[in-house]
Structures are given as C-alpha cells and as structure tokens.
Amino acid sequence: MGRREKIIYPAISIFIVFSMIYFQITPKDITNLDNVLLGTITLASIGIGFLVAAVSMLSTLESNKFFMKLTSLGTDIKLLKILTITIRLLLAISIFSLVLLLITSIEELKILKDIIFYCWVGLLIYSLLLIDVVVKIFLDVVNTVKSEQ
C-alpha cells in the first residue's frame, strides 16, 4: 500500500469524524438511521462479494493477459493487500451497523452509541476510498491491456 492508502485516506476519514464531532452530528440527527444502516449492510455485503470474487479470480488467472499485466506492473501484491484490508473493513462495517441497529433505541447507551457511530462513519469512509483504489487499479490494468492489443 502506498502513502495515499496508509496516511491520506485514514486522515480524511479521521478529519470527517472529528468534523462531525465538532458540529455535534450524532445518530439522533440522522432521521432514517435504520434505513442508512440497512443500506450500509447491503453495500458492505455487495462489496465483500465483489472483492472476494476478485481475490479468487486473481489467484486463478496466472496465464491470463490481465493477470500477467498486473504482475508486470507490480500491482498484484498491492491489489491483494488492499483487497484484504477492504474486505475486513466492510465486514467490520456490517458488524458496527448491526450493533447500531440493536442499540439505536436504548437511550441509556447514548455514549456507547455515539462512539460506535463515529467509528462506523470513519470505517465507512475509509473503505469507500479503498474501494475506489481497487476499481482504479482494475481499470488501469484493463486499459493497459486494451491499449497493447
């Protein structure tokens, strides 16, 4: 992983979380939080499915032009690392979403709910940025393979 994925993307996520804390945006301020959480679980499930398929596809395509180009560009290891991290983040987002769905109506757990909410936002933003990196790598390699034909 490069500097962008290790430093800049987490910094963006942390900045957004602290901005939300500064402007006092809490789960109570999101009117349809339950729908947002359910949508996030769906998004994370789709993302996990796509990324797991990508990992399994990469390991079986050793004689494929796409995989050969990926290896020659040196992005195969980077891509697998980012895919693994993103899958873990999406799984964590699903877990955080389920926990928030369960405790959203319990007023005694307000502080815990807020902490989980801010962690959820940070993880969501970071994982979306990493998904963007994965898609860009795939598109760059596909465009490179196309241009060589």
Foldseek 3Di string as FASTA:
>chain_A
DDPCLPPVQLVVLVVVLVVCVVVVPFCVNDPPLLVVLVVLLVVLVVLLVVLVVVVVVLVPQPVPQLNVLCVVVVCPVVLVVLSVVLNVLSVVLNVLSVVCNVCVPPPVCRVVSRVSVSVSSSSVSSSVVSVVVNVVSSVVSVVVSVVVD
